Each structure stands twice: as structure tokens, then as C-alpha cells.
Amino acid sequence: MAKTSAIRAEAVSGNSSVPVSLHETAASAAGHVAELVRAQVRSKPGSVLGLATGATMESVYADLVSSVRSGALSLSQVTTFNLDEYAGLTASHPGSYRGTMNALLFDHTDIDKNRCFLPDGTASDLTAEADRYEALIAERGPVDLQLLGIGRNGHIGFNEPGSDLESRTRLVDLHPSTQEANKSFFSGEAVPSQALTMGIATILSARTIVVLATGEAKAEAVAKALSGCFDATCPASALMSHAHVHWVLDRAAAQLLA
């Protein structure tokens, strides 16, 4: 059973607390996030969902696949926008986020792939592609529910430390620690050094944001993100300015919180 608590903090928005769902295990935390997605889609079948990739979300997507296969959920009317995509990788590359989303979710549900959007990392003009993607989010959105993970260095999407609070979708250089963390997805290949990512301001335009963080390796970033004010060295701290952010943590990720 999840325990829901509130972490007291002086937020940028002036709010005095941030809701946190605390779980004994990573599996329980992921299951809770999947239930939040199910609730969103059931209440609004045509929801616009913001999706994240990375190992933290794999259990969430597996749970959603099971729900669709059992007939308990339909994703047929949703529209999705992924946070980011590596520069230079084709959709067929297994390390690409399009390839990852196909393998984890899109290929195994009734979702309409024509309404599943990611930046095109192979575009000839990546700056223009970033602008196109930002405009598409504005046209089809706003995002009703945005899923986020958090990097060990506090990044959200690929907004690395030093990212501007007002940033929009753009081409970014990946921090070496981010490349190192993602090596396991590339089977000995070099991890791309650049990516297209929604900016911090783009992420904050979502109506509701759910952040999933599990494992001891995320504890320091979580504590810094929830410390009370925006700190550019921890981009996730920008979430304190949003009125509807819910953090879902296992005990290992929450261990440094007061």
C-alpha cells in the first residue's frame, strides 16, 4: 500500500507543499504511475499524454500494455508526445526513442501510431525540427498528463544542468554523465552526443506532471529538486513552479528527504 505524504518546501510558485506518493518498492511506484495514466485516459479517452523513456518507465509501460491486452484500457484515442530523441538516430535504430517506444508500448497496444509524435533526430535542419515539434505540441496540446523521470544529475527530458527556465524544444549537447548512464542501451556503440528535447518551459506547459523516481542513485537529485527553489544545476527543481506536480518515489529514492 502506498503512503502519500507532503514534503514541506517554499516553492517558486508560493505553494507550501509538494505531494509525494511514497512506495516500499520500485515496482509499486511504477504501478501507481500506471494507474494515474489509466485514470487520466478513462476520464478523457482523447487525452494528450507526454511520454518519457529510460529504464524507470519500462515497468509503467509494461503495466499499460497488460491493461490494454486484458481489455481494461484502450489507448486508441490518445495523442502522445515524447520528451526527446537522439540526434542522428533513425526510427529503426533500437537505441532511438522511437524504436524504444515501439518496443515497449506502441507495438503492443491499440494506440494509433499516426498520433504518436517524437522529434525527428535525422532531420536535415535540427533547429527547424525543434521549432516544428514545439509548434506541433502547441497545436495539438496542451499535454494533459506529462510523465517524467529524473536523471542522476537532475535533468528532466534532456534539459541538462544549466538549462534555462524559459527554454523550449531545442537541440542540446548531452552531459557526459547522461551518456554514461545510457550506455547500456547501445550495446557497445557510442552514445549520441546530442539530442532534441522539449525545453523546461515546454514541459511546464502540461496541465499535470507526474515524476517517477526509483533507486538510491536518484536520491540526491530528488532531494535537490524538492529543496524549495529553482536551481539551474538541478533542472528538475523547476517543477516546484508548477501547480499540479505529483512525485512518485520508492523509499530508496526518497531516503534523503526530510
C-alpha atoms as a PDB file:
ATOM      1  CA  MET A   1       0.000   0.000   0.000  1.00  0.00           C
ATOM      2  CA  ALA A   2       1.340   3.419  -0.962  1.00  0.00           C
ATOM      3  CA  LYS A   3       1.855   6.019   1.655  1.00  0.00           C
ATOM      4  CA  THR A   4       1.120   9.580   0.482  1.00  0.00           C
ATOM      5  CA  SER A   5       2.859  12.396   2.275  1.00  0.00           C
ATOM      6  CA  ALA A   6       3.739  16.019   1.712  1.00  0.00           C
ATOM      7  CA  ILE A   7       7.256  17.406   1.601  1.00  0.00           C
ATOM      8  CA  ARG A   8       7.264  20.876   3.076  1.00  0.00           C
ATOM      9  CA  ALA A   9       9.066  23.414   0.910  1.00  0.00           C
ATOM     10  CA  GLU A  10       8.833  27.037  -0.099  1.00  0.00           C
ATOM     11  CA  ALA A  11       8.069  26.631  -3.793  1.00  0.00           C
ATOM     12  CA  VAL A  12       8.793  29.145  -6.523  1.00  0.00           C
ATOM     13  CA  SER A  13       5.042  29.343  -7.089  1.00  0.00           C
ATOM     14  CA  GLY A  14       4.440  30.178  -3.457  1.00  0.00           C
ATOM     15  CA  ASN A  15       2.919  26.786  -2.672  1.00  0.00           C
ATOM     16  CA  SER A  16       3.943  25.403   0.699  1.00  0.00           C
ATOM     17  CA  SER A  17       3.930  21.686  -0.066  1.00  0.00           C
ATOM     18  CA  VAL A  18       4.500  19.168  -2.832  1.00  0.00           C
ATOM     19  CA  PRO A  19       2.532  15.902  -2.939  1.00  0.00           C
ATOM     20  CA  VAL A  20       4.696  12.801  -2.808  1.00  0.00           C
ATOM     21  CA  SER A  21       3.493   9.195  -3.047  1.00  0.00           C
ATOM     22  CA  LEU A  22       5.979   7.038  -1.174  1.00  0.00           C
ATOM     23  CA  HIS A  23       6.222   3.322  -2.010  1.00  0.00           C
ATOM     24  CA  GLU A  24       8.141   0.455  -0.489  1.00  0.00           C
ATOM     25  CA  THR A  25       9.373  -0.816  -3.855  1.00  0.00           C
ATOM     26  CA  ALA A  26      10.131   0.442  -7.343  1.00  0.00           C
ATOM     27  CA  ALA A  27       7.528  -1.958  -8.749  1.00  0.00           C
ATOM     28  CA  SER A  28       4.830  -0.486  -6.536  1.00  0.00           C
ATOM     29  CA  ALA A  29       5.813   3.054  -7.528  1.00  0.00           C
ATOM     30  CA  ALA A  30       5.662   2.176 -11.240  1.00  0.00           C
ATOM     31  CA  GLY A  31       2.285   0.524 -10.730  1.00  0.00           C
ATOM     32  CA  HIS A  32       0.967   3.688  -9.113  1.00  0.00           C
ATOM     33  CA  VAL A  33       2.105   5.784 -12.083  1.00  0.00           C
ATOM     34  CA  ALA A  34       0.436   3.354 -14.488  1.00  0.00           C
ATOM     35  CA  GLU A  35      -2.785   3.721 -12.509  1.00  0.00           C
ATOM     36  CA  LEU A  36      -2.567   7.510 -12.783  1.00  0.00           C
ATOM     37  CA  VAL A  37      -2.263   7.156 -16.568  1.00  0.00           C
ATOM     38  CA  ARG A  38      -5.214   4.759 -16.685  1.00  0.00           C
ATOM     39  CA  ALA A  39      -7.327   7.155 -14.637  1.00  0.00           C
ATOM     40  CA  GLN A  40      -6.439  10.036 -16.966  1.00  0.00           C
ATOM     41  CA  VAL A  41      -7.325   8.097 -20.113  1.00  0.00           C
ATOM     42  CA  ARG A  42     -10.539   6.689 -18.684  1.00  0.00           C
ATOM     43  CA  SER A  43     -11.696  10.167 -17.669  1.00  0.00           C
ATOM     44  CA  LYS A  44     -10.672  11.633 -21.047  1.00  0.00           C
ATOM     45  CA  PRO A  45     -10.166   8.994 -23.771  1.00  0.00           C
ATOM     46  CA  GLY A  46      -8.720  11.589 -26.148  1.00  0.00           C
ATOM     47  CA  SER A  47      -6.063  12.716 -23.685  1.00  0.00           C
ATOM     48  CA  VAL A  48      -2.755  14.174 -24.825  1.00  0.00           C
ATOM     49  CA  LEU A  49      -0.029  12.281 -22.978  1.00  0.00           C
ATOM     50  CA  GLY A  50       3.580  13.367 -22.603  1.00  0.00           C
ATOM     51  CA  LEU A  51       5.793  10.293 -22.514  1.00  0.00           C
ATOM     52  CA  ALA A  52       9.282   9.658 -21.195  1.00  0.00           C
ATOM     53  CA  THR A  53      11.762   6.909 -21.977  1.00  0.00           C
ATOM     54  CA  GLY A  54      14.519   5.357 -19.914  1.00  0.00           C
ATOM     55  CA  ALA A  55      14.677   2.305 -17.706  1.00  0.00           C
ATOM     56  CA  THR A  56      12.491   3.850 -14.988  1.00  0.00           C
ATOM     57  CA  MET A  57       9.457   3.897 -17.284  1.00  0.00           C
ATOM     58  CA  GLU A  58       9.757   0.339 -18.614  1.00  0.00           C
ATOM     59  CA  SER A  59       7.598  -1.136 -15.842  1.00  0.00           C
ATOM     60  CA  VAL A  60       4.977   1.576 -16.320  1.00  0.00           C
ATOM     61  CA  TYR A  61       4.615   0.755 -19.997  1.00  0.00           C
ATOM     62  CA  ALA A  62       4.543  -2.986 -19.317  1.00  0.00           C
ATOM     63  CA  ASP A  63       1.659  -2.383 -16.908  1.00  0.00           C
ATOM     64  CA  LEU A  64      -0.229  -0.333 -19.507  1.00  0.00           C
ATOM     65  CA  VAL A  65       0.334  -2.993 -22.176  1.00  0.00           C
ATOM     66  CA  SER A  66      -1.182  -5.579 -19.831  1.00  0.00           C
ATOM     67  CA  SER A  67      -4.201  -3.361 -19.242  1.00  0.00           C
ATOM     68  CA  VAL A  68      -4.813  -2.898 -22.962  1.00  0.00           C
ATOM     69  CA  ARG A  69      -4.373  -6.607 -23.718  1.00  0.00           C
ATOM     70  CA  SER A  70      -6.829  -7.560 -20.973  1.00  0.00           C
ATOM     71  CA  GLY A  71      -9.415  -5.131 -22.294  1.00  0.00           C
ATOM     72  CA  ALA A  72      -9.261  -2.952 -19.188  1.00  0.00           C
ATOM     73  CA  LEU A  73      -7.905   0.064 -21.086  1.00  0.00           C
ATOM     74  CA  SER A  74      -7.916   1.497 -24.596  1.00  0.00           C
ATOM     75  CA  LEU A  75      -5.326   3.947 -25.895  1.00  0.00           C
ATOM     76  CA  SER A  76      -6.943   4.192 -29.313  1.00  0.00           C
ATOM     77  CA  GLN A  77      -7.941   7.843 -28.996  1.00  0.00           C
ATOM     78  CA  VAL A  78      -4.901   9.305 -27.222  1.00  0.00           C
ATOM     79  CA  THR A  79      -2.259  11.552 -28.722  1.00  0.00           C
ATOM     80  CA  THR A  80       1.292  11.255 -27.397  1.00  0.00           C
ATOM     81  CA  PHE A  81       4.368  13.460 -27.430  1.00  0.00           C
ATOM     82  CA  ASN A  82       7.698  12.079 -26.296  1.00  0.00           C
ATOM     83  CA  LEU A  83      10.084  14.327 -24.450  1.00  0.00           C
ATOM     84  CA  ASP A  84      13.104  13.800 -26.653  1.00  0.00           C
ATOM     85  CA  GLU A  85      15.033  11.927 -29.318  1.00  0.00           C
ATOM     86  CA  TYR A  86      18.704  11.379 -30.037  1.00  0.00           C
ATOM     87  CA  ALA A  87      20.218  13.349 -32.900  1.00  0.00           C
ATOM     88  CA  GLY A  88      21.298  11.196 -35.814  1.00  0.00           C
ATOM     89  CA  LEU A  89      19.396   8.000 -34.987  1.00  0.00           C
ATOM     90  CA  THR A  90      16.803   6.604 -37.367  1.00  0.00           C
ATOM     91  CA  ALA A  91      13.467   5.352 -36.048  1.00  0.00           C
ATOM     92  CA  SER A  92      14.587   1.780 -36.783  1.00  0.00           C
ATOM     93  CA  HIS A  93      17.675   2.042 -34.575  1.00  0.00           C
ATOM     94  CA  PRO A  94      16.979   0.083 -31.366  1.00  0.00           C
ATOM     95  CA  GLY A  95      18.606   2.819 -29.297  1.00  0.00           C
ATOM     96  CA  SER A  96      16.365   5.531 -30.710  1.00  0.00           C
ATOM     97  CA  TYR A  97      13.463   6.630 -28.585  1.00  0.00           C
ATOM     98  CA  ARG A  98      11.024   5.934 -31.407  1.00  0.00           C
ATOM     99  CA  GLY A  99      12.374   2.381 -31.545  1.00  0.00           C
ATOM    100  CA  THR A 100      12.232   2.111 -27.770  1.00  0.00           C
ATOM    101  CA  MET A 101       8.635   3.322 -27.578  1.00  0.00           C
ATOM    102  CA  ASN A 102       7.614   0.924 -30.342  1.00  0.00           C
ATOM    103  CA  ALA A 103       9.180  -1.969 -28.441  1.00  0.00           C
ATOM    104  CA  LEU A 104       7.800  -1.008 -25.029  1.00  0.00           C
ATOM    105  CA  LEU A 105       4.334   0.350 -25.824  1.00  0.00           C
ATOM    106  CA  PHE A 106       3.278   1.327 -29.331  1.00  0.00           C
ATOM    107  CA  ASP A 107       3.653  -2.083 -30.995  1.00  0.00           C
ATOM    108  CA  HIS A 108       1.710  -3.875 -28.257  1.00  0.00           C
ATOM    109  CA  THR A 109      -1.408  -1.747 -27.773  1.00  0.00           C
ATOM    110  CA  ASP A 110      -4.275  -0.285 -29.797  1.00  0.00           C
ATOM    111  CA  ILE A 111      -2.606   3.125 -29.882  1.00  0.00           C
ATOM    112  CA  ASP A 112      -2.711   4.965 -33.223  1.00  0.00           C
ATOM    113  CA  LYS A 113       0.924   5.478 -34.249  1.00  0.00           C
ATOM    114  CA  ASN A 114      -0.149   8.343 -36.502  1.00  0.00           C
ATOM    115  CA  ARG A 115      -0.842  10.266 -33.297  1.00  0.00           C
ATOM    116  CA  CYS A 116       2.389   9.258 -31.539  1.00  0.00           C
ATOM    117  CA  PHE A 117       4.891  12.057 -32.008  1.00  0.00           C
ATOM    118  CA  LEU A 118       8.631  12.288 -31.354  1.00  0.00           C
ATOM    119  CA  PRO A 119      11.189  14.754 -32.689  1.00  0.00           C
ATOM    120  CA  ASP A 120      12.924  13.595 -35.873  1.00  0.00           C
ATOM    121  CA  GLY A 121      16.571  13.153 -34.958  1.00  0.00           C
ATOM    122  CA  THR A 122      17.508  12.633 -38.624  1.00  0.00           C
ATOM    123  CA  ALA A 123      16.077  15.947 -39.876  1.00  0.00           C
ATOM    124  CA  SER A 124      18.468  17.873 -42.124  1.00  0.00           C
ATOM    125  CA  ASP A 125      17.926  21.023 -40.052  1.00  0.00           C
ATOM    126  CA  LEU A 126      17.629  20.067 -36.394  1.00  0.00           C
ATOM    127  CA  THR A 127      16.928  23.623 -35.257  1.00  0.00           C
ATOM    128  CA  ALA A 128      13.996  23.838 -37.648  1.00  0.00           C
ATOM    129  CA  GLU A 129      12.837  20.399 -36.484  1.00  0.00           C
ATOM    130  CA  ALA A 130      12.865  21.587 -32.872  1.00  0.00           C
ATOM    131  CA  ASP A 131      10.717  24.577 -33.833  1.00  0.00           C
ATOM    132  CA  ARG A 132       8.339  22.312 -35.786  1.00  0.00           C
ATOM    133  CA  TYR A 133       7.925  19.978 -32.805  1.00  0.00           C
ATOM    134  CA  GLU A 134       7.306  22.847 -30.403  1.00  0.00           C
ATOM    135  CA  ALA A 135       4.642  24.220 -32.740  1.00  0.00           C
ATOM    136  CA  LEU A 136       3.022  20.785 -33.045  1.00  0.00           C
ATOM    137  CA  ILE A 137       2.757  20.478 -29.253  1.00  0.00           C
ATOM    138  CA  ALA A 138       1.139  23.920 -29.136  1.00  0.00           C
ATOM    139  CA  GLU A 139      -1.267  22.939 -31.921  1.00  0.00           C
ATOM    140  CA  ARG A 140      -2.323  19.533 -30.539  1.00  0.00           C
ATOM    141  CA  GLY A 141      -1.915  20.265 -26.857  1.00  0.00           C
ATOM    142  CA  PRO A 142      -1.752  21.207 -24.142  1.00  0.00           C
ATOM    143  CA  VAL A 143      -0.436  17.967 -22.723  1.00  0.00           C
ATOM    144  CA  ASP A 144      -2.937  16.672 -20.186  1.00  0.00           C
ATOM    145  CA  LEU A 145      -0.538  14.386 -18.307  1.00  0.00           C
ATOM    146  CA  GLN A 146       3.237  14.545 -18.639  1.00  0.00           C
ATOM    147  CA  LEU A 147       5.335  11.630 -17.389  1.00  0.00           C
ATOM    148  CA  LEU A 148       8.860  12.439 -16.261  1.00  0.00           C
ATOM    149  CA  GLY A 149      11.842  10.621 -14.896  1.00  0.00           C
ATOM    150  CA  ILE A 150      14.777  12.432 -13.349  1.00  0.00           C
ATOM    151  CA  GLY A 151      18.419  11.990 -14.228  1.00  0.00           C
ATOM    152  CA  ARG A 152      21.116  11.447 -11.650  1.00  0.00           C
ATOM    153  CA  ASN A 153      22.290  14.989 -12.411  1.00  0.00           C
ATOM    154  CA  GLY A 154      18.754  16.354 -12.049  1.00  0.00           C
ATOM    155  CA  HIS A 155      17.900  16.559 -15.725  1.00  0.00           C
ATOM    156  CA  ILE A 156      14.315  16.283 -16.987  1.00  0.00           C
ATOM    157  CA  GLY A 157      13.973  15.307 -20.604  1.00  0.00           C
ATOM    158  CA  PHE A 158      17.434  16.125 -21.841  1.00  0.00           C
ATOM    159  CA  ASN A 159      17.470  19.504 -20.118  1.00  0.00           C
ATOM    160  CA  GLU A 160      20.915  19.213 -18.578  1.00  0.00           C
ATOM    161  CA  PRO A 161      22.241  21.307 -15.668  1.00  0.00           C
ATOM    162  CA  GLY A 162      22.433  24.946 -16.728  1.00  0.00           C
ATOM    163  CA  SER A 163      19.275  24.794 -18.852  1.00  0.00           C
ATOM    164  CA  ASP A 164      17.230  27.977 -18.918  1.00  0.00           C
ATOM    165  CA  LEU A 165      13.881  28.051 -17.147  1.00  0.00           C
ATOM    166  CA  GLU A 166      12.316  29.566 -20.284  1.00  0.00           C
ATOM    167  CA  SER A 167      13.812  27.017 -22.688  1.00  0.00           C
ATOM    168  CA  ARG A 168      11.673  25.459 -25.408  1.00  0.00           C
ATOM    169  CA  THR A 169      12.241  22.445 -27.661  1.00  0.00           C
ATOM    170  CA  ARG A 170      15.796  22.632 -28.969  1.00  0.00           C
ATOM    171  CA  LEU A 171      18.999  20.775 -29.860  1.00  0.00           C
ATOM    172  CA  VAL A 172      21.185  20.132 -26.823  1.00  0.00           C
ATOM    173  CA  ASP A 173      24.581  18.647 -26.015  1.00  0.00           C
ATOM    174  CA  LEU A 174      24.353  15.696 -23.645  1.00  0.00           C
ATOM    175  CA  HIS A 175      26.325  15.757 -20.425  1.00  0.00           C
ATOM    176  CA  PRO A 176      28.974  13.002 -20.175  1.00  0.00           C
ATOM    177  CA  SER A 177      27.180  11.606 -17.109  1.00  0.00           C
ATOM    178  CA  THR A 178      23.999  11.262 -19.158  1.00  0.00           C
ATOM    179  CA  GLN A 179      25.848   9.466 -21.926  1.00  0.00           C
ATOM    180  CA  GLU A 180      27.443   7.150 -19.364  1.00  0.00           C
ATOM    181  CA  ALA A 181      24.059   6.392 -17.772  1.00  0.00           C
ATOM    182  CA  ASN A 182      22.618   5.432 -21.172  1.00  0.00           C
ATOM    183  CA  LYS A 183      25.471   3.215 -22.367  1.00  0.00           C
ATOM    184  CA  SER A 184      23.549   0.054 -21.590  1.00  0.00           C
ATOM    185  CA  PHE A 185      21.041   0.857 -24.338  1.00  0.00           C
ATOM    186  CA  PHE A 186      23.679   0.945 -27.070  1.00  0.00           C
ATOM    187  CA  SER A 187      25.419  -2.460 -26.918  1.00  0.00           C
ATOM    188  CA  GLY A 188      28.938  -1.141 -27.263  1.00  0.00           C
ATOM    189  CA  GLU A 189      28.112   1.661 -29.701  1.00  0.00           C
ATOM    190  CA  ALA A 190      28.917   5.243 -28.811  1.00  0.00           C
ATOM    191  CA  VAL A 191      26.009   7.046 -27.187  1.00  0.00           C
ATOM    192  CA  PRO A 192      24.979  10.074 -29.291  1.00  0.00           C
ATOM    193  CA  SER A 193      26.352  13.350 -28.030  1.00  0.00           C
ATOM    194  CA  GLN A 194      23.306  15.438 -28.932  1.00  0.00           C
ATOM    195  CA  ALA A 195      19.537  15.202 -28.724  1.00  0.00           C
ATOM    196  CA  LEU A 196      16.366  17.140 -29.418  1.00  0.00           C
ATOM    197  CA  THR A 197      14.398  17.762 -26.240  1.00  0.00           C
ATOM    198  CA  MET A 198      11.345  19.582 -25.006  1.00  0.00           C
ATOM    199  CA  GLY A 199      12.530  22.574 -23.028  1.00  0.00           C
ATOM    200  CA  ILE A 200      11.756  23.255 -19.400  1.00  0.00           C
ATOM    201  CA  ALA A 201       9.053  25.777 -20.322  1.00  0.00           C
ATOM    202  CA  THR A 202       7.556  23.257 -22.744  1.00  0.00           C
ATOM    203  CA  ILE A 203       7.362  20.640 -20.002  1.00  0.00           C
ATOM    204  CA  LEU A 204       5.835  23.124 -17.582  1.00  0.00           C
ATOM    205  CA  SER A 205       3.046  23.877 -20.076  1.00  0.00           C
ATOM    206  CA  ALA A 206       1.481  20.465 -19.296  1.00  0.00           C
ATOM    207  CA  ARG A 207      -1.672  20.518 -17.201  1.00  0.00           C
ATOM    208  CA  THR A 208      -0.443  17.818 -14.823  1.00  0.00           C
ATOM    209  CA  ILE A 209       3.041  16.352 -14.341  1.00  0.00           C
ATOM    210  CA  VAL A 210       3.879  13.015 -12.738  1.00  0.00           C
ATOM    211  CA  VAL A 211       7.507  12.348 -11.818  1.00  0.00           C
ATOM    212  CA  LEU A 212       8.674   8.787 -11.159  1.00  0.00           C
ATOM    213  CA  ALA A 213      11.996   8.279  -9.407  1.00  0.00           C
ATOM    214  CA  THR A 214      13.263   4.984  -8.031  1.00  0.00           C
ATOM    215  CA  GLY A 215      16.546   3.733  -6.633  1.00  0.00           C
ATOM    216  CA  GLU A 216      19.249   5.077  -4.389  1.00  0.00           C
ATOM    217  CA  ALA A 217      21.111   6.610  -7.329  1.00  0.00           C
ATOM    218  CA  LYS A 218      18.296   9.147  -7.748  1.00  0.00           C
ATOM    219  CA  ALA A 219      18.072  10.169  -4.084  1.00  0.00           C
ATOM    220  CA  GLU A 220      20.414  13.147  -4.254  1.00  0.00           C
ATOM    221  CA  ALA A 221      18.746  14.567  -7.379  1.00  0.00           C
ATOM    222  CA  VAL A 222      15.286  14.122  -5.845  1.00  0.00           C
ATOM    223  CA  ALA A 223      16.310  15.892  -2.641  1.00  0.00           C
ATOM    224  CA  LYS A 224      17.823  18.778  -4.586  1.00  0.00           C
ATOM    225  CA  ALA A 225      14.775  19.050  -6.861  1.00  0.00           C
ATOM    226  CA  LEU A 226      12.493  19.320  -3.845  1.00  0.00           C
ATOM    227  CA  SER A 227      14.710  21.687  -1.860  1.00  0.00           C
ATOM    228  CA  GLY A 228      12.425  24.645  -2.420  1.00  0.00           C
ATOM    229  CA  CYS A 229      13.517  26.913  -5.263  1.00  0.00           C
ATOM    230  CA  PHE A 230      14.779  26.784  -8.822  1.00  0.00           C
ATOM    231  CA  ASP A 231      18.449  25.887  -9.084  1.00  0.00           C
ATOM    232  CA  ALA A 232      19.849  25.716 -12.624  1.00  0.00           C
ATOM    233  CA  THR A 233      22.282  22.996 -11.535  1.00  0.00           C
ATOM    234  CA  CYS A 234      19.225  20.756 -11.000  1.00  0.00           C
ATOM    235  CA  PRO A 235      16.715  21.349 -13.815  1.00  0.00           C
ATOM    236  CA  ALA A 236      14.057  19.225 -12.077  1.00  0.00           C
ATOM    237  CA  SER A 237      13.830  21.922  -9.405  1.00  0.00           C
ATOM    238  CA  ALA A 238      11.885  23.956 -11.985  1.00  0.00           C
ATOM    239  CA  LEU A 239       8.937  21.669 -11.294  1.00  0.00           C
ATOM    240  CA  MET A 240       8.402  23.479  -7.999  1.00  0.00           C
ATOM    241  CA  SER A 241       6.840  26.310 -10.025  1.00  0.00           C
ATOM    242  CA  HIS A 242       4.064  24.076 -11.383  1.00  0.00           C
ATOM    243  CA  ALA A 243       0.740  23.905  -9.579  1.00  0.00           C
ATOM    244  CA  HIS A 244      -0.009  20.249 -10.389  1.00  0.00           C
ATOM    245  CA  VAL A 245       3.090  18.080  -9.984  1.00  0.00           C
ATOM    246  CA  HIS A 246       2.956  14.715  -8.258  1.00  0.00           C
ATOM    247  CA  TRP A 247       6.152  12.903  -7.262  1.00  0.00           C
ATOM    248  CA  VAL A 248       6.053   9.095  -7.040  1.00  0.00           C
ATOM    249  CA  LEU A 249       9.055   7.634  -5.228  1.00  0.00           C
ATOM    250  CA  ASP A 250      10.262   4.386  -3.748  1.00  0.00           C
ATOM    251  CA  ARG A 251      11.959   4.510  -0.370  1.00  0.00           C
ATOM    252  CA  ALA A 252      15.429   4.346  -1.852  1.00  0.00           C
ATOM    253  CA  ALA A 253      14.856   7.475  -3.963  1.00  0.00           C
ATOM    254  CA  ALA A 254      13.206   9.283  -1.042  1.00  0.00           C
ATOM    255  CA  GLN A 255      15.835   8.493   1.569  1.00  0.00           C
ATOM    256  CA  LEU A 256      17.357  11.989   1.713  1.00  0.00           C
ATOM    257  CA  LEU A 257      14.047  13.814   2.116  1.00  0.00           C
ATOM    258  CA  ALA A 258      13.220  15.307   5.488  1.00  0.00           C
END
